[in-house]
Amino acid sequence: MDCPKCGTWNPDDKIVCWRCQTPLPKPVEKKPRKPISFLGLPGWAWAALAAMLILWIAAQCLAPALVGGR
């Protein structure tokens, strides 16, 4: 963390600047990001299920044309 008065870098555990003795602001704790989920499944699982469904539908629609059906 940089000192707001002199710009000197200080470790996050310090409460005053080591150079000018100015009180340092308390570091802001970062909140962990919550993963995207819907109905208990993560987003990547929904994307994989959607891709498999699209491939299955495409196979059902295109397979007769490839085999020689109508």
PDB file of N, CA and C in Angstrom:
ATOM      1  N   MET A   1       0.847  -1.154   0.000  1.00  0.00           N
ATOM      2  CA  MET A   1       0.000   0.000   0.000  1.00  0.00           C
ATOM      3  C   MET A   1       0.905   1.233   0.000  1.00  0.00           C
ATOM      4  N   ASP A   2       0.566   2.200  -0.817  1.00  0.00           N
ATOM      5  CA  ASP A   2       1.343   3.430  -0.886  1.00  0.00           C
ATOM      6  C   ASP A   2       0.819   4.460   0.110  1.00  0.00           C
ATOM      7  N   CYS A   3       1.737   5.212   0.678  1.00  0.00           N
ATOM      8  CA  CYS A   3       1.375   6.262   1.628  1.00  0.00           C
ATOM      9  C   CYS A   3       0.653   7.388   0.880  1.00  0.00           C
ATOM     10  N   PRO A   4      -0.474   7.873   1.417  1.00  0.00           N
ATOM     11  CA  PRO A   4      -1.193   8.953   0.736  1.00  0.00           C
ATOM     12  C   PRO A   4      -0.438  10.290   0.782  1.00  0.00           C
ATOM     13  N   LYS A   5       0.502  10.434   1.708  1.00  0.00           N
ATOM     14  CA  LYS A   5       1.220  11.706   1.841  1.00  0.00           C
ATOM     15  C   LYS A   5       2.511  11.726   1.031  1.00  0.00           C
ATOM     16  N   CYS A   6       3.377  10.720   1.205  1.00  0.00           N
ATOM     17  CA  CYS A   6       4.690  10.739   0.546  1.00  0.00           C
ATOM     18  C   CYS A   6       4.809   9.752  -0.601  1.00  0.00           C
ATOM     19  N   GLY A   7       3.853   8.830  -0.750  1.00  0.00           N
ATOM     20  CA  GLY A   7       3.873   7.878  -1.855  1.00  0.00           C
ATOM     21  C   GLY A   7       4.781   6.680  -1.641  1.00  0.00           C
ATOM     22  N   THR A   8       5.329   6.515  -0.457  1.00  0.00           N
ATOM     23  CA  THR A   8       6.223   5.394  -0.167  1.00  0.00           C
ATOM     24  C   THR A   8       5.415   4.116   0.004  1.00  0.00           C
ATOM     25  N   TRP A   9       5.942   3.016  -0.551  1.00  0.00           N
ATOM     26  CA  TRP A   9       5.266   1.738  -0.393  1.00  0.00           C
ATOM     27  C   TRP A   9       5.444   1.236   1.028  1.00  0.00           C
ATOM     28  N   ASN A  10       4.367   0.705   1.598  1.00  0.00           N
ATOM     29  CA  ASN A  10       4.366   0.110   2.940  1.00  0.00           C
ATOM     30  C   ASN A  10       3.663  -1.235   2.879  1.00  0.00           C
ATOM     31  N   PRO A  11       4.113  -2.213   3.664  1.00  0.00           N
ATOM     32  CA  PRO A  11       3.391  -3.497   3.705  1.00  0.00           C
ATOM     33  C   PRO A  11       1.966  -3.293   4.216  1.00  0.00           C
ATOM     34  N   ASP A  12       1.077  -4.203   3.840  1.00  0.00           N
ATOM     35  CA  ASP A  12      -0.336  -4.070   4.208  1.00  0.00           C
ATOM     36  C   ASP A  12      -0.587  -4.158   5.704  1.00  0.00           C
ATOM     37  N   ASP A  13       0.332  -4.774   6.457  1.00  0.00           N
ATOM     38  CA  ASP A  13       0.096  -4.928   7.893  1.00  0.00           C
ATOM     39  C   ASP A  13       0.520  -3.704   8.705  1.00  0.00           C
ATOM     40  N   LYS A  14       1.124  -2.696   8.092  1.00  0.00           N
ATOM     41  CA  LYS A  14       1.562  -1.492   8.805  1.00  0.00           C
ATOM     42  C   LYS A  14       0.409  -0.513   8.973  1.00  0.00           C
ATOM     43  N   ILE A  15       0.406   0.219  10.097  1.00  0.00           N
ATOM     44  CA  ILE A  15      -0.653   1.199  10.333  1.00  0.00           C
ATOM     45  C   ILE A  15      -0.166   2.627  10.145  1.00  0.00           C
ATOM     46  N   VAL A  16       1.174   2.822  10.132  1.00  0.00           N
ATOM     47  CA  VAL A  16       1.743   4.147   9.845  1.00  0.00           C
ATOM     48  C   VAL A  16       2.852   3.988   8.811  1.00  0.00           C
ATOM     49  N   CYS A  17       3.099   5.040   8.038  1.00  0.00           N
ATOM     50  CA  CYS A  17       4.152   5.030   7.031  1.00  0.00           C
ATOM     51  C   CYS A  17       5.508   4.982   7.718  1.00  0.00           C
ATOM     52  N   TRP A  18       6.399   4.144   7.211  1.00  0.00           N
ATOM     53  CA  TRP A  18       7.718   4.015   7.831  1.00  0.00           C
ATOM     54  C   TRP A  18       8.574   5.243   7.579  1.00  0.00           C
ATOM     55  N   ARG A  19       8.274   6.021   6.553  1.00  0.00           N
ATOM     56  CA  ARG A  19       9.094   7.188   6.244  1.00  0.00           C
ATOM     57  C   ARG A  19       8.577   8.465   6.925  1.00  0.00           C
ATOM     58  N   CYS A  20       7.285   8.766   6.769  1.00  0.00           N
ATOM     59  CA  CYS A  20       6.772  10.056   7.279  1.00  0.00           C
ATOM     60  C   CYS A  20       5.852   9.904   8.491  1.00  0.00           C
ATOM     61  N   GLN A  21       5.604   8.687   8.929  1.00  0.00           N
ATOM     62  CA  GLN A  21       4.775   8.400  10.108  1.00  0.00           C
ATOM     63  C   GLN A  21       3.323   8.852   9.963  1.00  0.00           C
ATOM     64  N   THR A  22       2.835   8.982   8.739  1.00  0.00           N
ATOM     65  CA  THR A  22       1.431   9.314   8.494  1.00  0.00           C
ATOM     66  C   THR A  22       0.585   8.058   8.682  1.00  0.00           C
ATOM     67  N   PRO A  23      -0.549   8.170   9.368  1.00  0.00           N
ATOM     68  CA  PRO A  23      -1.427   6.993   9.499  1.00  0.00           C
ATOM     69  C   PRO A  23      -1.898   6.525   8.116  1.00  0.00           C
ATOM     70  N   LEU A  24      -1.838   5.233   7.907  1.00  0.00           N
ATOM     71  CA  LEU A  24      -2.244   4.652   6.630  1.00  0.00           C
ATOM     72  C   LEU A  24      -3.702   4.218   6.693  1.00  0.00           C
ATOM     73  N   PRO A  25      -4.419   4.333   5.567  1.00  0.00           N
ATOM     74  CA  PRO A  25      -5.802   3.813   5.554  1.00  0.00           C
ATOM     75  C   PRO A  25      -5.783   2.294   5.645  1.00  0.00           C
ATOM     76  N   LYS A  26      -6.837   1.750   6.196  1.00  0.00           N
ATOM     77  CA  LYS A  26      -6.932   0.295   6.322  1.00  0.00           C
ATOM     78  C   LYS A  26      -7.158  -0.306   4.944  1.00  0.00           C
ATOM     79  N   PRO A  27      -6.467  -1.410   4.637  1.00  0.00           N
ATOM     80  CA  PRO A  27      -6.660  -2.036   3.324  1.00  0.00           C
ATOM     81  C   PRO A  27      -8.075  -2.598   3.190  1.00  0.00           C
ATOM     82  N   VAL A  28      -8.633  -2.480   2.004  1.00  0.00           N
ATOM     83  CA  VAL A  28      -9.970  -2.992   1.734  1.00  0.00           C
ATOM     84  C   VAL A  28      -9.853  -4.463   1.357  1.00  0.00           C
ATOM     85  N   GLU A  29     -10.608  -5.298   2.055  1.00  0.00           N
ATOM     86  CA  GLU A  29     -10.572  -6.725   1.769  1.00  0.00           C
ATOM     87  C   GLU A  29     -11.430  -7.004   0.547  1.00  0.00           C
ATOM     88  N   LYS A  30     -10.879  -7.818  -0.363  1.00  0.00           N
ATOM     89  CA  LYS A  30     -11.616  -8.184  -1.565  1.00  0.00           C
ATOM     90  C   LYS A  30     -12.536  -9.354  -1.249  1.00  0.00           C
ATOM     91  N   LYS A  31     -13.780  -9.234  -1.697  1.00  0.00           N
ATOM     92  CA  LYS A  31     -14.732 -10.319  -1.500  1.00  0.00           C
ATOM     93  C   LYS A  31     -14.497 -11.376  -2.569  1.00  0.00           C
ATOM     94  N   PRO A  32     -14.515 -12.646  -2.177  1.00  0.00           N
ATOM     95  CA  PRO A  32     -14.351 -13.688  -3.192  1.00  0.00           C
ATOM     96  C   PRO A  32     -15.563 -13.711  -4.127  1.00  0.00           C
ATOM     97  N   ARG A  33     -15.294 -13.935  -5.417  1.00  0.00           N
ATOM     98  CA  ARG A  33     -16.370 -13.982  -6.391  1.00  0.00           C
ATOM     99  C   ARG A  33     -17.142 -15.284  -6.244  1.00  0.00           C
ATOM    100  N   LYS A  34     -18.449 -15.161  -6.268  1.00  0.00           N
ATOM    101  CA  LYS A  34     -19.298 -16.339  -6.195  1.00  0.00           C
ATOM    102  C   LYS A  34     -19.471 -16.885  -7.615  1.00  0.00           C
ATOM    103  N   PRO A  35     -19.206 -18.168  -7.819  1.00  0.00           N
ATOM    104  CA  PRO A  35     -19.356 -18.722  -9.164  1.00  0.00           C
ATOM    105  C   PRO A  35     -20.811 -18.665  -9.636  1.00  0.00           C
ATOM    106  N   ILE A  36     -20.977 -18.518 -10.935  1.00  0.00           N
ATOM    107  CA  ILE A  36     -22.311 -18.466 -11.521  1.00  0.00           C
ATOM    108  C   ILE A  36     -22.914 -19.867 -11.477  1.00  0.00           C
ATOM    109  N   SER A  37     -24.117 -19.960 -10.913  1.00  0.00           N
ATOM    110  CA  SER A  37     -24.791 -21.255 -10.880  1.00  0.00           C
ATOM    111  C   SER A  37     -26.290 -21.039 -11.049  1.00  0.00           C
ATOM    112  N   PHE A  38     -26.959 -22.061 -11.561  1.00  0.00           N
ATOM    113  CA  PHE A  38     -28.405 -22.032 -11.752  1.00  0.00           C
ATOM    114  C   PHE A  38     -28.920 -23.433 -11.435  1.00  0.00           C
ATOM    115  N   LEU A  39     -29.865 -23.509 -10.554  1.00  0.00           N
ATOM    116  CA  LEU A  39     -30.440 -24.779 -10.107  1.00  0.00           C
ATOM    117  C   LEU A  39     -29.375 -25.748  -9.600  1.00  0.00           C
ATOM    118  N   GLY A  40     -28.365 -25.208  -8.955  1.00  0.00           N
ATOM    119  CA  GLY A  40     -27.354 -26.040  -8.335  1.00  0.00           C
ATOM    120  C   GLY A  40     -26.217 -26.496  -9.231  1.00  0.00           C
ATOM    121  N   LEU A  41     -26.275 -26.177 -10.529  1.00  0.00           N
ATOM    122  CA  LEU A  41     -25.199 -26.566 -11.440  1.00  0.00           C
ATOM    123  C   LEU A  41     -24.400 -25.333 -11.837  1.00  0.00           C
ATOM    124  N   PRO A  42     -23.089 -25.475 -11.964  1.00  0.00           N
ATOM    125  CA  PRO A  42     -22.276 -24.325 -12.396  1.00  0.00           C
ATOM    126  C   PRO A  42     -22.562 -23.971 -13.851  1.00  0.00           C
ATOM    127  N   GLY A  43     -22.189 -22.755 -14.231  1.00  0.00           N
ATOM    128  CA  GLY A  43     -22.457 -22.260 -15.579  1.00  0.00           C
ATOM    129  C   GLY A  43     -21.830 -23.108 -16.666  1.00  0.00           C
ATOM    130  N   TRP A  44     -20.621 -23.631 -16.424  1.00  0.00           N
ATOM    131  CA  TRP A  44     -19.965 -24.436 -17.458  1.00  0.00           C
ATOM    132  C   TRP A  44     -20.734 -25.732 -17.705  1.00  0.00           C
ATOM    133  N   ALA A  45     -21.390 -26.268 -16.671  1.00  0.00           N
ATOM    134  CA  ALA A  45     -22.152 -27.506 -16.849  1.00  0.00           C
ATOM    135  C   ALA A  45     -23.391 -27.253 -17.709  1.00  0.00           C
ATOM    136  N   TRP A  46     -24.051 -26.104 -17.500  1.00  0.00           N
ATOM    137  CA  TRP A  46     -25.197 -25.748 -18.334  1.00  0.00           C
ATOM    138  C   TRP A  46     -24.770 -25.541 -19.782  1.00  0.00           C
ATOM    139  N   ALA A  47     -23.601 -24.920 -19.989  1.00  0.00           N
ATOM    140  CA  ALA A  47     -23.105 -24.717 -21.353  1.00  0.00           C
ATOM    141  C   ALA A  47     -22.814 -26.061 -22.021  1.00  0.00           C
ATOM    142  N   ALA A  48     -22.234 -27.002 -21.280  1.00  0.00           N
ATOM    143  CA  ALA A  48     -21.953 -28.324 -21.834  1.00  0.00           C
ATOM    144  C   ALA A  48     -23.250 -29.067 -22.168  1.00  0.00           C
ATOM    145  N   LEU A  49     -24.247 -28.978 -21.296  1.00  0.00           N
ATOM    146  CA  LEU A  49     -25.535 -29.623 -21.576  1.00  0.00           C
ATOM    147  C   LEU A  49     -26.206 -29.015 -22.801  1.00  0.00           C
ATOM    148  N   ALA A  50     -26.148 -27.697 -22.945  1.00  0.00           N
ATOM    149  CA  ALA A  50     -26.731 -27.035 -24.107  1.00  0.00           C
ATOM    150  C   ALA A  50     -26.021 -27.468 -25.384  1.00  0.00           C
ATOM    151  N   ALA A  51     -24.700 -27.566 -25.352  1.00  0.00           N
ATOM    152  CA  ALA A  51     -23.942 -27.996 -26.530  1.00  0.00           C
ATOM    153  C   ALA A  51     -24.307 -29.428 -26.903  1.00  0.00           C
ATOM    154  N   MET A  52     -24.440 -30.300 -25.911  1.00  0.00           N
ATOM    155  CA  MET A  52     -24.809 -31.693 -26.195  1.00  0.00           C
ATOM    156  C   MET A  52     -26.218 -31.772 -26.771  1.00  0.00           C
ATOM    157  N   LEU A  53     -27.143 -30.966 -26.271  1.00  0.00           N
ATOM    158  CA  LEU A  53     -28.509 -30.956 -26.791  1.00  0.00           C
ATOM    159  C   LEU A  53     -28.531 -30.479 -28.241  1.00  0.00           C
ATOM    160  N   ILE A  54     -27.771 -29.435 -28.549  1.00  0.00           N
ATOM    161  CA  ILE A  54     -27.707 -28.922 -29.920  1.00  0.00           C
ATOM    162  C   ILE A  54     -27.113 -29.974 -30.854  1.00  0.00           C
ATOM    163  N   LEU A  55     -26.055 -30.644 -30.418  1.00  0.00           N
ATOM    164  CA  LEU A  55     -25.463 -31.700 -31.247  1.00  0.00           C
ATOM    165  C   LEU A  55     -26.425 -32.866 -31.455  1.00  0.00           C
ATOM    166  N   TRP A  56     -27.178 -33.237 -30.426  1.00  0.00           N
ATOM    167  CA  TRP A  56     -28.138 -34.330 -30.551  1.00  0.00           C
ATOM    168  C   TRP A  56     -29.249 -33.964 -31.531  1.00  0.00           C
ATOM    169  N   ILE A  57     -29.775 -32.735 -31.427  1.00  0.00           N
ATOM    170  CA  ILE A  57     -30.825 -32.288 -32.352  1.00  0.00           C
ATOM    171  C   ILE A  57     -30.286 -32.230 -33.773  1.00  0.00           C
ATOM    172  N   ALA A  58     -29.074 -31.733 -33.952  1.00  0.00           N
ATOM    173  CA  ALA A  58     -28.479 -31.667 -35.284  1.00  0.00           C
ATOM    174  C   ALA A  58     -28.289 -33.066 -35.849  1.00  0.00           C
ATOM    175  N   ALA A  59     -27.888 -34.011 -35.023  1.00  0.00           N
ATOM    176  CA  ALA A  59     -27.704 -35.385 -35.497  1.00  0.00           C
ATOM    177  C   ALA A  59     -29.035 -36.003 -35.893  1.00  0.00           C
ATOM    178  N   GLN A  60     -30.095 -35.726 -35.158  1.00  0.00           N
ATOM    179  CA  GLN A  60     -31.407 -36.270 -35.477  1.00  0.00           C
ATOM    180  C   GLN A  60     -31.953 -35.684 -36.777  1.00  0.00           C
ATOM    181  N   CYS A  61     -31.656 -34.420 -37.043  1.00  0.00           N
ATOM    182  CA  CYS A  61     -32.172 -33.765 -38.245  1.00  0.00           C
ATOM    183  C   CYS A  61     -31.329 -34.066 -39.480  1.00  0.00           C
ATOM    184  N   LEU A  62     -30.027 -34.202 -39.305  1.00  0.00           N
ATOM    185  CA  LEU A  62     -29.133 -34.365 -40.445  1.00  0.00           C
ATOM    186  C   LEU A  62     -28.839 -35.822 -40.776  1.00  0.00           C
ATOM    187  N   ALA A  63     -29.012 -36.726 -39.849  1.00  0.00           N
ATOM    188  CA  ALA A  63     -28.659 -38.124 -40.088  1.00  0.00           C
ATOM    189  C   ALA A  63     -29.492 -38.750 -41.227  1.00  0.00           C
ATOM    190  N   PRO A  64     -30.799 -38.536 -41.312  1.00  0.00           N
ATOM    191  CA  PRO A  64     -31.544 -39.117 -42.442  1.00  0.00           C
ATOM    192  C   PRO A  64     -31.077 -38.587 -43.799  1.00  0.00           C
ATOM    193  N   ALA A  65     -30.696 -37.336 -43.851  1.00  0.00           N
ATOM    194  CA  ALA A  65     -30.224 -36.773 -45.125  1.00  0.00           C
ATOM    195  C   ALA A  65     -28.883 -37.355 -45.518  1.00  0.00           C
ATOM    196  N   LEU A  66     -28.061 -37.660 -44.547  1.00  0.00           N
ATOM    197  CA  LEU A  66     -26.750 -38.239 -44.856  1.00  0.00           C
ATOM    198  C   LEU A  66     -26.852 -39.710 -45.238  1.00  0.00           C
ATOM    199  N   VAL A  67     -27.836 -40.412 -44.691  1.00  0.00           N
ATOM    200  CA  VAL A  67     -27.986 -41.838 -44.956  1.00  0.00           C
ATOM    201  C   VAL A  67     -28.683 -42.071 -46.300  1.00  0.00           C
ATOM    202  N   GLY A  68     -29.442 -41.121 -46.759  1.00  0.00           N
ATOM    203  CA  GLY A  68     -30.110 -41.258 -48.046  1.00  0.00           C
ATOM    204  C   GLY A  68     -31.625 -41.198 -47.928  1.00  0.00           C
ATOM    205  N   GLY A  69     -32.091 -40.768 -46.792  1.00  0.00           N
ATOM    206  CA  GLY A  69     -33.542 -40.623 -46.625  1.00  0.00           C
ATOM    207  C   GLY A  69     -34.005 -39.308 -47.260  1.00  0.00           C
ATOM    208  N   ARG A  70     -35.190 -38.920 -46.940  1.00  0.00           N
ATOM    209  CA  ARG A  70     -35.743 -37.704 -47.533  1.00  0.00           C
ATOM    210  C   ARG A  70     -35.066 -36.484 -47.041  1.00  0.00           C
TER     211      ARG A  70
END
